[in-house]
Amino acid sequence: MKQAIGLIELRSIARGMNTTDQMLKAANVELLRAHVVCPGKYIILISGAISAVRTAVEVGERVAPEVVVDHFILPNVHPSIFPALTATTQIEHVKAIGVVETFTLAASIIAADVAVKAAPVELIEVRLPFAMGGKAFAVFTGEVSAVRSGVNSAVETLKDEGVLDSWTVIPAPHKSLIDKLL
């Protein structure tokens, strides 16, 4: 059975809690996260079999369509996404750094998943939107060419969605910056 993750990001906390309940009752999925993020948004992140995640996300979209900010279903999520979401990755050596900054958490997770599948890069973190005005970002490392490829793939995937804010590649990051990232 293939694993998937799904996320719904809403602009209502109360509706978010109700949506979480309805999603969990609709399908056999695991609740990975359900909580408030800035600015007053509520995220619901689930995992499970692809069909169950699809069912749960579809139910979530129907429960509160007027407050859904963003959503996704990633049918074959890269395993490095999970530690990156909790900032618990173990990176041996930081080379170049790539950053993709978005207006939603959903878009940052998609950017991270696309980058690690498109190029030999390692995720450092997918930052949840706490105290950042609702923005989120993905940070990864690798050889300069791989990081450029990962950033370009993520940007290409999201460019028409209206969720990209900024992105960069830092070829030789300063040690102090690296220390703050790890």
C-alpha atoms as a PDB file:
ATOM      1  CA  MET A   1       0.000   0.000   0.000  1.00  0.00           C
ATOM      2  CA  LYS A   2       1.416   3.390  -0.996  1.00  0.00           C
ATOM      3  CA  GLN A   3       1.506   6.150   1.595  1.00  0.00           C
ATOM      4  CA  ALA A   4       0.249   9.646   0.955  1.00  0.00           C
ATOM      5  CA  ILE A   5      -0.101  12.854   2.894  1.00  0.00           C
ATOM      6  CA  GLY A   6      -2.810  15.432   2.588  1.00  0.00           C
ATOM      7  CA  LEU A   7      -3.117  18.928   3.982  1.00  0.00           C
ATOM      8  CA  ILE A   8      -5.858  21.487   4.261  1.00  0.00           C
ATOM      9  CA  GLU A   9      -5.055  25.024   5.362  1.00  0.00           C
ATOM     10  CA  LEU A  10      -8.036  27.113   6.501  1.00  0.00           C
ATOM     11  CA  ARG A  11      -8.490  30.719   7.609  1.00  0.00           C
ATOM     12  CA  SER A  12     -10.792  29.791  10.487  1.00  0.00           C
ATOM     13  CA  ILE A  13      -9.744  28.046  13.680  1.00  0.00           C
ATOM     14  CA  ALA A  14     -13.249  26.958  14.696  1.00  0.00           C
ATOM     15  CA  ARG A  15     -14.042  25.684  11.199  1.00  0.00           C
ATOM     16  CA  GLY A  16     -10.616  24.016  11.155  1.00  0.00           C
ATOM     17  CA  MET A  17     -11.380  21.978  14.260  1.00  0.00           C
ATOM     18  CA  ASN A  18     -14.738  20.908  12.841  1.00  0.00           C
ATOM     19  CA  THR A  19     -13.126  20.049   9.515  1.00  0.00           C
ATOM     20  CA  THR A  20     -10.502  17.931  11.300  1.00  0.00           C
ATOM     21  CA  ASP A  21     -13.219  15.946  13.049  1.00  0.00           C
ATOM     22  CA  GLN A  22     -15.161  15.375   9.833  1.00  0.00           C
ATOM     23  CA  MET A  23     -12.036  14.285   7.927  1.00  0.00           C
ATOM     24  CA  LEU A  24     -11.056  11.779  10.622  1.00  0.00           C
ATOM     25  CA  LYS A  25     -14.573  10.328  10.698  1.00  0.00           C
ATOM     26  CA  ALA A  26     -14.662   9.999   6.898  1.00  0.00           C
ATOM     27  CA  ALA A  27     -11.544   7.895   6.322  1.00  0.00           C
ATOM     28  CA  ASN A  28      -8.959   5.747   8.045  1.00  0.00           C
ATOM     29  CA  VAL A  29      -6.123   8.285   8.158  1.00  0.00           C
ATOM     30  CA  GLU A  30      -3.533   9.269  10.754  1.00  0.00           C
ATOM     31  CA  LEU A  31      -3.651  12.831  12.047  1.00  0.00           C
ATOM     32  CA  LEU A  32      -0.080  14.159  11.925  1.00  0.00           C
ATOM     33  CA  ARG A  33      -0.829  17.786  12.803  1.00  0.00           C
ATOM     34  CA  ALA A  34      -3.892  19.887  13.532  1.00  0.00           C
ATOM     35  CA  HIS A  35      -3.220  23.296  14.989  1.00  0.00           C
ATOM     36  CA  VAL A  36      -3.171  27.048  14.606  1.00  0.00           C
ATOM     37  CA  VAL A  37      -0.510  28.761  12.498  1.00  0.00           C
ATOM     38  CA  CYS A  38      -0.058  32.449  11.740  1.00  0.00           C
ATOM     39  CA  PRO A  39      -1.978  34.590  10.940  1.00  0.00           C
ATOM     40  CA  GLY A  40      -4.907  32.821  12.564  1.00  0.00           C
ATOM     41  CA  LYS A  41      -4.955  29.933  10.103  1.00  0.00           C
ATOM     42  CA  TYR A  42      -5.532  26.292  10.975  1.00  0.00           C
ATOM     43  CA  ILE A  43      -3.717  23.389   9.329  1.00  0.00           C
ATOM     44  CA  ILE A  44      -4.721  19.747   9.134  1.00  0.00           C
ATOM     45  CA  LEU A  45      -2.029  17.305   7.988  1.00  0.00           C
ATOM     46  CA  ILE A  46      -2.923  13.638   7.566  1.00  0.00           C
ATOM     47  CA  SER A  47      -1.306  10.496   6.200  1.00  0.00           C
ATOM     48  CA  GLY A  48      -2.442   7.080   5.085  1.00  0.00           C
ATOM     49  CA  ALA A  49      -3.322   5.076   2.023  1.00  0.00           C
ATOM     50  CA  ILE A  50      -3.766   7.229  -1.075  1.00  0.00           C
ATOM     51  CA  SER A  51      -7.501   6.512  -1.363  1.00  0.00           C
ATOM     52  CA  ALA A  52      -8.141   7.274   2.320  1.00  0.00           C
ATOM     53  CA  VAL A  53      -6.186  10.547   2.187  1.00  0.00           C
ATOM     54  CA  ARG A  54      -8.037  11.555  -0.977  1.00  0.00           C
ATOM     55  CA  THR A  55     -11.388  10.834   0.676  1.00  0.00           C
ATOM     56  CA  ALA A  56     -10.499  12.770   3.828  1.00  0.00           C
ATOM     57  CA  VAL A  57      -9.222  15.821   1.936  1.00  0.00           C
ATOM     58  CA  GLU A  58     -12.290  15.855  -0.315  1.00  0.00           C
ATOM     59  CA  VAL A  59     -14.530  15.763   2.767  1.00  0.00           C
ATOM     60  CA  GLY A  60     -12.479  18.566   4.332  1.00  0.00           C
ATOM     61  CA  GLU A  61     -12.916  20.717   1.247  1.00  0.00           C
ATOM     62  CA  ARG A  62     -16.710  20.176   1.332  1.00  0.00           C
ATOM     63  CA  VAL A  63     -17.055  20.963   5.057  1.00  0.00           C
ATOM     64  CA  ALA A  64     -15.725  24.522   4.832  1.00  0.00           C
ATOM     65  CA  PRO A  65     -15.017  25.535   1.222  1.00  0.00           C
ATOM     66  CA  GLU A  66     -15.361  29.242   1.949  1.00  0.00           C
ATOM     67  CA  VAL A  67     -12.410  29.223   4.385  1.00  0.00           C
ATOM     68  CA  VAL A  68      -9.998  26.860   2.587  1.00  0.00           C
ATOM     69  CA  VAL A  69      -6.778  28.747   1.836  1.00  0.00           C
ATOM     70  CA  ASP A  70      -4.867  25.891   0.226  1.00  0.00           C
ATOM     71  CA  HIS A  71      -4.764  22.111   0.126  1.00  0.00           C
ATOM     72  CA  PHE A  72      -2.971  19.191  -1.480  1.00  0.00           C
ATOM     73  CA  ILE A  73      -2.699  15.440  -1.732  1.00  0.00           C
ATOM     74  CA  LEU A  74       0.809  14.045  -2.273  1.00  0.00           C
ATOM     75  CA  PRO A  75       0.364  10.411  -3.264  1.00  0.00           C
ATOM     76  CA  ASN A  76       3.995   9.289  -2.895  1.00  0.00           C
ATOM     77  CA  VAL A  77       5.501  11.780  -0.497  1.00  0.00           C
ATOM     78  CA  HIS A  78       9.277  11.744  -0.153  1.00  0.00           C
ATOM     79  CA  PRO A  79      10.207  10.332   3.293  1.00  0.00           C
ATOM     80  CA  SER A  80      12.471  13.297   4.095  1.00  0.00           C
ATOM     81  CA  ILE A  81       9.399  15.562   4.328  1.00  0.00           C
ATOM     82  CA  PHE A  82       8.457  14.220   7.774  1.00  0.00           C
ATOM     83  CA  PRO A  83      11.662  15.122   9.667  1.00  0.00           C
ATOM     84  CA  ALA A  84      11.858  18.422   7.751  1.00  0.00           C
ATOM     85  CA  LEU A  85       8.423  19.413   9.078  1.00  0.00           C
ATOM     86  CA  THR A  86       9.637  18.949  12.650  1.00  0.00           C
ATOM     87  CA  ALA A  87      13.133  20.385  12.030  1.00  0.00           C
ATOM     88  CA  THR A  88      14.714  17.098  13.105  1.00  0.00           C
ATOM     89  CA  THR A  89      16.743  16.334   9.998  1.00  0.00           C
ATOM     90  CA  GLN A  90      20.299  15.127  10.440  1.00  0.00           C
ATOM     91  CA  ILE A  91      22.467  16.924   7.899  1.00  0.00           C
ATOM     92  CA  GLU A  92      26.139  15.950   7.836  1.00  0.00           C
ATOM     93  CA  HIS A  93      27.484  18.717   5.627  1.00  0.00           C
ATOM     94  CA  VAL A  94      25.826  21.846   4.266  1.00  0.00           C
ATOM     95  CA  LYS A  95      27.044  22.846   0.835  1.00  0.00           C
ATOM     96  CA  ALA A  96      24.886  25.248  -1.164  1.00  0.00           C
ATOM     97  CA  ILE A  97      21.527  26.300   0.296  1.00  0.00           C
ATOM     98  CA  GLY A  98      18.248  26.639  -1.562  1.00  0.00           C
ATOM     99  CA  VAL A  99      15.234  28.425  -0.125  1.00  0.00           C
ATOM    100  CA  VAL A 100      11.714  28.529  -1.564  1.00  0.00           C
ATOM    101  CA  GLU A 101       9.392  30.927   0.287  1.00  0.00           C
ATOM    102  CA  THR A 102       5.633  30.672  -0.170  1.00  0.00           C
ATOM    103  CA  PHE A 103       2.406  32.226   1.070  1.00  0.00           C
ATOM    104  CA  THR A 104       1.034  28.888   2.319  1.00  0.00           C
ATOM    105  CA  LEU A 105       2.344  25.865   4.165  1.00  0.00           C
ATOM    106  CA  ALA A 106       0.835  23.576   1.544  1.00  0.00           C
ATOM    107  CA  ALA A 107       2.912  25.236  -1.175  1.00  0.00           C
ATOM    108  CA  SER A 108       6.117  24.919   0.878  1.00  0.00           C
ATOM    109  CA  ILE A 109       5.583  21.205   1.412  1.00  0.00           C
ATOM    110  CA  ILE A 110       4.928  20.751  -2.298  1.00  0.00           C
ATOM    111  CA  ALA A 111       8.069  22.766  -3.116  1.00  0.00           C
ATOM    112  CA  ALA A 112      10.139  20.598  -0.762  1.00  0.00           C
ATOM    113  CA  ASP A 113       8.729  17.361  -2.173  1.00  0.00           C
ATOM    114  CA  VAL A 114       9.347  18.476  -5.763  1.00  0.00           C
ATOM    115  CA  ALA A 115      12.915  19.630  -4.985  1.00  0.00           C
ATOM    116  CA  VAL A 116      14.019  16.382  -3.311  1.00  0.00           C
ATOM    117  CA  LYS A 117      12.480  14.298  -6.087  1.00  0.00           C
ATOM    118  CA  ALA A 118      13.998  16.432  -8.870  1.00  0.00           C
ATOM    119  CA  ALA A 119      17.576  16.696  -7.624  1.00  0.00           C
ATOM    120  CA  PRO A 120      20.008  15.073  -5.183  1.00  0.00           C
ATOM    121  CA  VAL A 121      19.375  17.541  -2.348  1.00  0.00           C
ATOM    122  CA  GLU A 122      18.707  17.053   1.365  1.00  0.00           C
ATOM    123  CA  LEU A 123      15.897  18.853   3.137  1.00  0.00           C
ATOM    124  CA  ILE A 124      16.957  20.870   6.148  1.00  0.00           C
ATOM    125  CA  GLU A 125      13.544  22.177   7.125  1.00  0.00           C
ATOM    126  CA  VAL A 126      10.029  23.024   6.017  1.00  0.00           C
ATOM    127  CA  ARG A 127       9.167  25.934   8.301  1.00  0.00           C
ATOM    128  CA  LEU A 128       5.598  26.211   9.490  1.00  0.00           C
ATOM    129  CA  PRO A 129       4.051  29.683   9.373  1.00  0.00           C
ATOM    130  CA  PHE A 130       4.592  30.802  12.984  1.00  0.00           C
ATOM    131  CA  ALA A 131       5.204  34.538  13.459  1.00  0.00           C
ATOM    132  CA  MET A 132       5.888  35.002   9.744  1.00  0.00           C
ATOM    133  CA  GLY A 133       2.639  36.555   8.559  1.00  0.00           C
ATOM    134  CA  GLY A 134       1.375  33.240   7.219  1.00  0.00           C
ATOM    135  CA  LYS A 135       4.410  32.544   5.054  1.00  0.00           C
ATOM    136  CA  ALA A 136       6.257  29.244   5.042  1.00  0.00           C
ATOM    137  CA  PHE A 137       9.490  28.106   3.443  1.00  0.00           C
ATOM    138  CA  ALA A 138      11.525  25.070   2.509  1.00  0.00           C
ATOM    139  CA  VAL A 139      15.312  24.955   2.940  1.00  0.00           C
ATOM    140  CA  PHE A 140      17.550  22.318   1.417  1.00  0.00           C
ATOM    141  CA  THR A 141      21.217  21.687   0.711  1.00  0.00           C
ATOM    142  CA  GLY A 142      23.445  19.923  -1.782  1.00  0.00           C
ATOM    143  CA  GLU A 143      25.883  20.702  -4.563  1.00  0.00           C
ATOM    144  CA  VAL A 144      25.237  24.091  -6.181  1.00  0.00           C
ATOM    145  CA  SER A 145      23.947  22.573  -9.438  1.00  0.00           C
ATOM    146  CA  ALA A 146      21.600  20.213  -7.566  1.00  0.00           C
ATOM    147  CA  VAL A 147      20.264  23.027  -5.375  1.00  0.00           C
ATOM    148  CA  ARG A 148      19.662  25.199  -8.462  1.00  0.00           C
ATOM    149  CA  SER A 149      17.846  22.290 -10.101  1.00  0.00           C
ATOM    150  CA  GLY A 150      15.723  21.694  -6.979  1.00  0.00           C
ATOM    151  CA  VAL A 151      14.802  25.378  -6.660  1.00  0.00           C
ATOM    152  CA  ASN A 152      14.029  25.667 -10.372  1.00  0.00           C
ATOM    153  CA  SER A 153      11.818  22.567 -10.294  1.00  0.00           C
ATOM    154  CA  ALA A 154       9.896  23.828  -7.256  1.00  0.00           C
ATOM    155  CA  VAL A 155       9.448  27.283  -8.792  1.00  0.00           C
ATOM    156  CA  GLU A 156       8.316  25.792 -12.108  1.00  0.00           C
ATOM    157  CA  THR A 157       5.743  23.648 -10.310  1.00  0.00           C
ATOM    158  CA  LEU A 158       4.292  26.531  -8.272  1.00  0.00           C
ATOM    159  CA  LYS A 159       4.790  29.548 -10.570  1.00  0.00           C
ATOM    160  CA  ASP A 160       1.203  29.718 -11.848  1.00  0.00           C
ATOM    161  CA  GLU A 161      -0.487  29.019  -8.507  1.00  0.00           C
ATOM    162  CA  GLY A 162      -0.054  32.491  -6.957  1.00  0.00           C
ATOM    163  CA  VAL A 163       1.621  31.008  -3.872  1.00  0.00           C
ATOM    164  CA  LEU A 164       5.300  31.795  -4.519  1.00  0.00           C
ATOM    165  CA  ASP A 165       6.880  34.725  -2.739  1.00  0.00           C
ATOM    166  CA  SER A 166      10.631  34.410  -3.211  1.00  0.00           C
ATOM    167  CA  TRP A 167      13.445  31.929  -3.748  1.00  0.00           C
ATOM    168  CA  THR A 168      17.219  31.908  -3.703  1.00  0.00           C
ATOM    169  CA  VAL A 169      20.315  29.780  -4.049  1.00  0.00           C
ATOM    170  CA  ILE A 170      23.279  30.529  -1.783  1.00  0.00           C
ATOM    171  CA  PRO A 171      26.348  28.837  -3.306  1.00  0.00           C
ATOM    172  CA  ALA A 172      28.760  29.094  -0.374  1.00  0.00           C
ATOM    173  CA  PRO A 173      26.870  29.967   2.822  1.00  0.00           C
ATOM    174  CA  HIS A 174      28.732  31.533   5.738  1.00  0.00           C
ATOM    175  CA  LYS A 175      29.388  29.187   8.664  1.00  0.00           C
ATOM    176  CA  SER A 176      27.295  31.356  11.020  1.00  0.00           C
ATOM    177  CA  LEU A 177      24.272  31.013   8.715  1.00  0.00           C
ATOM    178  CA  ILE A 178      24.776  27.251   8.522  1.00  0.00           C
ATOM    179  CA  ASP A 179      24.980  27.053  12.325  1.00  0.00           C
ATOM    180  CA  LYS A 180      21.611  28.838  12.631  1.00  0.00           C
ATOM    181  CA  LEU A 181      19.974  26.452  10.153  1.00  0.00           C
ATOM    182  CA  LEU A 182      21.043  23.240  11.865  1.00  0.00           C
END
